[in-house]
PDB file of N, CA and C in Angstrom:
ATOM      1  N   MET A   1      63.602 103.213 112.481  1.00  0.00           N
ATOM      2  CA  MET A   1      64.874 102.028 112.265  1.00  0.00           C
ATOM      3  C   MET A   1      65.893 102.432 113.390  1.00  0.00           C
ATOM      4  N   LEU A   2      66.348 103.823 113.409  1.00  0.00           N
ATOM      5  CA  LEU A   2      67.281 104.248 114.385  1.00  0.00           C
ATOM      6  C   LEU A   2      66.887 104.141 115.839  1.00  0.00           C
ATOM      7  N   GLU A   3      65.823 104.367 116.015  1.00  0.00           N
ATOM      8  CA  GLU A   3      64.964 104.589 117.329  1.00  0.00           C
ATOM      9  C   GLU A   3      65.166 103.198 118.119  1.00  0.00           C
ATOM     10  N   THR A   4      65.090 102.098 117.404  1.00  0.00           N
ATOM     11  CA  THR A   4      65.120 100.718 117.974  1.00  0.00           C
ATOM     12  C   THR A   4      66.463 100.379 118.245  1.00  0.00           C
ATOM     13  N   GLY A   5      67.545 100.596 117.759  1.00  0.00           N
ATOM     14  CA  GLY A   5      68.747 100.590 118.216  1.00  0.00           C
ATOM     15  C   GLY A   5      69.460  99.192 117.976  1.00  0.00           C
ATOM     16  N   LYS A   6      68.523  98.406 116.828  1.00  0.00           N
ATOM     17  CA  LYS A   6      68.598  97.217 116.443  1.00  0.00           C
ATOM     18  C   LYS A   6      69.685  97.338 115.201  1.00  0.00           C
ATOM     19  N   TYR A   7      69.761  98.331 114.475  1.00  0.00           N
ATOM     20  CA  TYR A   7      70.787  98.644 113.324  1.00  0.00           C
ATOM     21  C   TYR A   7      71.674  99.501 113.478  1.00  0.00           C
ATOM     22  N   ARG A   8      72.786  99.307 112.968  1.00  0.00           N
ATOM     23  CA  ARG A   8      73.744 100.332 112.734  1.00  0.00           C
ATOM     24  C   ARG A   8      73.273 101.360 111.634  1.00  0.00           C
ATOM     25  N   ILE A   9      74.174 102.448 111.686  1.00  0.00           N
ATOM     26  CA  ILE A   9      73.519 103.848 111.070  1.00  0.00           C
ATOM     27  C   ILE A   9      73.950 103.306 109.548  1.00  0.00           C
ATOM     28  N   SER A  10      74.920 102.705 109.431  1.00  0.00           N
ATOM     29  CA  SER A  10      75.222 102.208 107.776  1.00  0.00           C
ATOM     30  C   SER A  10      74.072 101.445 107.332  1.00  0.00           C
ATOM     31  N   GLU A  11      73.647 100.325 107.961  1.00  0.00           N
ATOM     32  CA  GLU A  11      72.630  99.665 107.630  1.00  0.00           C
ATOM     33  C   GLU A  11      71.244 100.249 107.480  1.00  0.00           C
ATOM     34  N   VAL A  12      70.841 101.433 108.192  1.00  0.00           N
ATOM     35  CA  VAL A  12      69.884 102.256 108.063  1.00  0.00           C
ATOM     36  C   VAL A  12      69.971 103.019 106.718  1.00  0.00           C
ATOM     37  N   ALA A  13      71.179 103.319 106.393  1.00  0.00           N
ATOM     38  CA  ALA A  13      71.621 104.287 105.492  1.00  0.00           C
ATOM     39  C   ALA A  13      71.156 103.406 103.889  1.00  0.00           C
ATOM     40  N   TYR A  14      71.842 102.274 103.817  1.00  0.00           N
ATOM     41  CA  TYR A  14      71.564 101.150 102.704  1.00  0.00           C
ATOM     42  C   TYR A  14      70.261 100.906 102.649  1.00  0.00           C
ATOM     43  N   ASP A  15      69.360 100.753 103.768  1.00  0.00           N
ATOM     44  CA  ASP A  15      68.043 100.112 103.844  1.00  0.00           C
ATOM     45  C   ASP A  15      66.997 101.325 103.230  1.00  0.00           C
ATOM     46  N   VAL A  16      67.382 102.669 103.443  1.00  0.00           N
ATOM     47  CA  VAL A  16      66.622 103.608 102.895  1.00  0.00           C
ATOM     48  C   VAL A  16      66.833 104.145 101.592  1.00  0.00           C
ATOM     49  N   GLY A  17      67.890 103.333 100.981  1.00  0.00           N
ATOM     50  CA  GLY A  17      68.265 103.831  99.397  1.00  0.00           C
ATOM     51  C   GLY A  17      69.655 104.677  99.340  1.00  0.00           C
ATOM     52  N   PHE A  18      70.289 104.903 100.470  1.00  0.00           N
ATOM     53  CA  PHE A  18      71.559 105.618 100.331  1.00  0.00           C
ATOM     54  C   PHE A  18      72.612 104.700  99.800  1.00  0.00           C
ATOM     55  N   SER A  19      73.664 105.016  98.908  1.00  0.00           N
ATOM     56  CA  SER A  19      74.662 104.199  98.843  1.00  0.00           C
ATOM     57  C   SER A  19      75.785 104.596  99.532  1.00  0.00           C
ATOM     58  N   ASP A  20      75.858 105.481  99.915  1.00  0.00           N
ATOM     59  CA  ASP A  20      77.010 106.032 101.017  1.00  0.00           C
ATOM     60  C   ASP A  20      76.625 106.433 102.360  1.00  0.00           C
ATOM     61  N   PRO A  21      76.789 105.959 103.353  1.00  0.00           N
ATOM     62  CA  PRO A  21      76.811 106.206 104.670  1.00  0.00           C
ATOM     63  C   PRO A  21      76.923 107.680 105.182  1.00  0.00           C
ATOM     64  N   LYS A  22      77.910 108.091 104.629  1.00  0.00           N
ATOM     65  CA  LYS A  22      78.331 109.295 104.783  1.00  0.00           C
ATOM     66  C   LYS A  22      77.613 110.411 104.138  1.00  0.00           C
ATOM     67  N   TYR A  23      77.266 110.233 103.134  1.00  0.00           N
ATOM     68  CA  TYR A  23      76.144 111.187 102.517  1.00  0.00           C
ATOM     69  C   TYR A  23      74.835 111.045 103.201  1.00  0.00           C
ATOM     70  N   PHE A  24      74.528 109.975 103.660  1.00  0.00           N
ATOM     71  CA  PHE A  24      73.179 109.639 104.450  1.00  0.00           C
ATOM     72  C   PHE A  24      73.465 110.606 105.737  1.00  0.00           C
ATOM     73  N   SER A  25      74.491 110.514 106.528  1.00  0.00           N
ATOM     74  CA  SER A  25      74.740 111.441 107.545  1.00  0.00           C
ATOM     75  C   SER A  25      74.570 112.853 107.370  1.00  0.00           C
ATOM     76  N   THR A  26      75.020 113.156 106.195  1.00  0.00           N
ATOM     77  CA  THR A  26      75.052 114.583 105.835  1.00  0.00           C
ATOM     78  C   THR A  26      73.707 115.195 105.502  1.00  0.00           C
ATOM     79  N   CYS A  27      72.916 114.354 104.829  1.00  0.00           N
ATOM     80  CA  CYS A  27      71.461 114.525 104.559  1.00  0.00           C
ATOM     81  C   CYS A  27      70.802 114.428 105.864  1.00  0.00           C
ATOM     82  N   PHE A  28      71.028 113.644 106.584  1.00  0.00           N
ATOM     83  CA  PHE A  28      70.168 113.607 108.090  1.00  0.00           C
ATOM     84  C   PHE A  28      70.380 114.794 108.773  1.00  0.00           C
ATOM     85  N   SER A  29      71.620 115.249 108.697  1.00  0.00           N
ATOM     86  CA  SER A  29      71.975 116.262 109.652  1.00  0.00           C
ATOM     87  C   SER A  29      71.425 117.689 109.156  1.00  0.00           C
ATOM     88  N   LYS A  30      71.349 117.706 107.729  1.00  0.00           N
ATOM     89  CA  LYS A  30      70.614 119.010 107.205  1.00  0.00           C
ATOM     90  C   LYS A  30      69.148 118.719 107.685  1.00  0.00           C
ATOM     91  N   GLN A  31      68.447 117.719 107.650  1.00  0.00           N
ATOM     92  CA  GLN A  31      66.986 117.579 108.038  1.00  0.00           C
ATOM     93  C   GLN A  31      66.711 117.815 109.462  1.00  0.00           C
ATOM     94  N   PHE A  32      67.490 117.186 110.521  1.00  0.00           N
ATOM     95  CA  PHE A  32      67.164 117.082 111.869  1.00  0.00           C
ATOM     96  C   PHE A  32      68.134 118.069 112.753  1.00  0.00           C
ATOM     97  N   ASN A  33      69.106 118.577 112.099  1.00  0.00           N
ATOM     98  CA  ASN A  33      70.134 119.413 112.799  1.00  0.00           C
ATOM     99  C   ASN A  33      70.981 118.740 114.111  1.00  0.00           C
ATOM    100  N   LYS A  34      70.958 117.466 113.674  1.00  0.00           N
ATOM    101  CA  LYS A  34      71.933 116.668 114.578  1.00  0.00           C
ATOM    102  C   LYS A  34      72.134 115.494 113.696  1.00  0.00           C
ATOM    103  N   THR A  35      73.407 114.728 113.950  1.00  0.00           N
ATOM    104  CA  THR A  35      73.838 113.554 113.408  1.00  0.00           C
ATOM    105  C   THR A  35      73.102 112.484 113.596  1.00  0.00           C
ATOM    106  N   PRO A  36      73.162 111.299 113.010  1.00  0.00           N
ATOM    107  CA  PRO A  36      72.292 110.293 113.309  1.00  0.00           C
ATOM    108  C   PRO A  36      72.968 109.574 114.725  1.00  0.00           C
ATOM    109  N   SER A  37      74.019 109.657 115.220  1.00  0.00           N
ATOM    110  CA  SER A  37      74.581 109.243 116.106  1.00  0.00           C
ATOM    111  C   SER A  37      73.868 110.198 117.428  1.00  0.00           C
ATOM    112  N   GLU A  38      73.882 111.368 117.234  1.00  0.00           N
ATOM    113  CA  GLU A  38      73.557 112.160 118.180  1.00  0.00           C
ATOM    114  C   GLU A  38      71.943 112.025 118.436  1.00  0.00           C
ATOM    115  N   TYR A  39      71.349 111.637 117.218  1.00  0.00           N
ATOM    116  CA  TYR A  39      70.030 111.206 117.286  1.00  0.00           C
ATOM    117  C   TYR A  39      69.475 110.128 118.165  1.00  0.00           C
ATOM    118  N   VAL A  40      70.373 109.053 117.848  1.00  0.00           N
ATOM    119  CA  VAL A  40      70.060 107.904 118.476  1.00  0.00           C
ATOM    120  C   VAL A  40      70.492 107.886 119.919  1.00  0.00           C
ATOM    121  N   ARG A  41      71.657 108.615 120.435  1.00  0.00           N
ATOM    122  CA  ARG A  41      71.805 108.874 121.585  1.00  0.00           C
ATOM    123  C   ARG A  41      70.684 109.516 122.449  1.00  0.00           C
ATOM    124  N   ASP A  42      70.369 110.677 121.847  1.00  0.00           N
ATOM    125  CA  ASP A  42      69.172 111.424 122.669  1.00  0.00           C
ATOM    126  C   ASP A  42      67.881 110.694 122.587  1.00  0.00           C
ATOM    127  N   LYS A  43      67.611 109.835 121.745  1.00  0.00           N
ATOM    128  CA  LYS A  43      66.388 109.074 122.132  1.00  0.00           C
ATOM    129  C   LYS A  43      66.477 107.836 122.935  1.00  0.00           C
ATOM    130  N   ASN A  44      67.614 107.574 123.214  1.00  0.00           N
ATOM    131  CA  ASN A  44      67.956 106.468 124.114  1.00  0.00           C
ATOM    132  C   ASN A  44      68.117 107.045 125.583  1.00  0.00           C
ATOM    133  N   THR A  45      67.987 108.382 125.682  1.00  0.00           N
ATOM    134  CA  THR A  45      68.196 109.004 127.151  1.00  0.00           C
ATOM    135  C   THR A  45      67.152 109.556 127.735  1.00  0.00           C
TER     136      THR A  45
END
């Protein structure tokens, strides 16, 4: 969902079951070693 660029990070967080976008970002960062914003930016370049 993040790769498509059609959704905001908070929308993705809620869609995958997180109730707090900040916590989603924390978990995402631990898993992928980059923030969701960095991930989107890297995929779009």
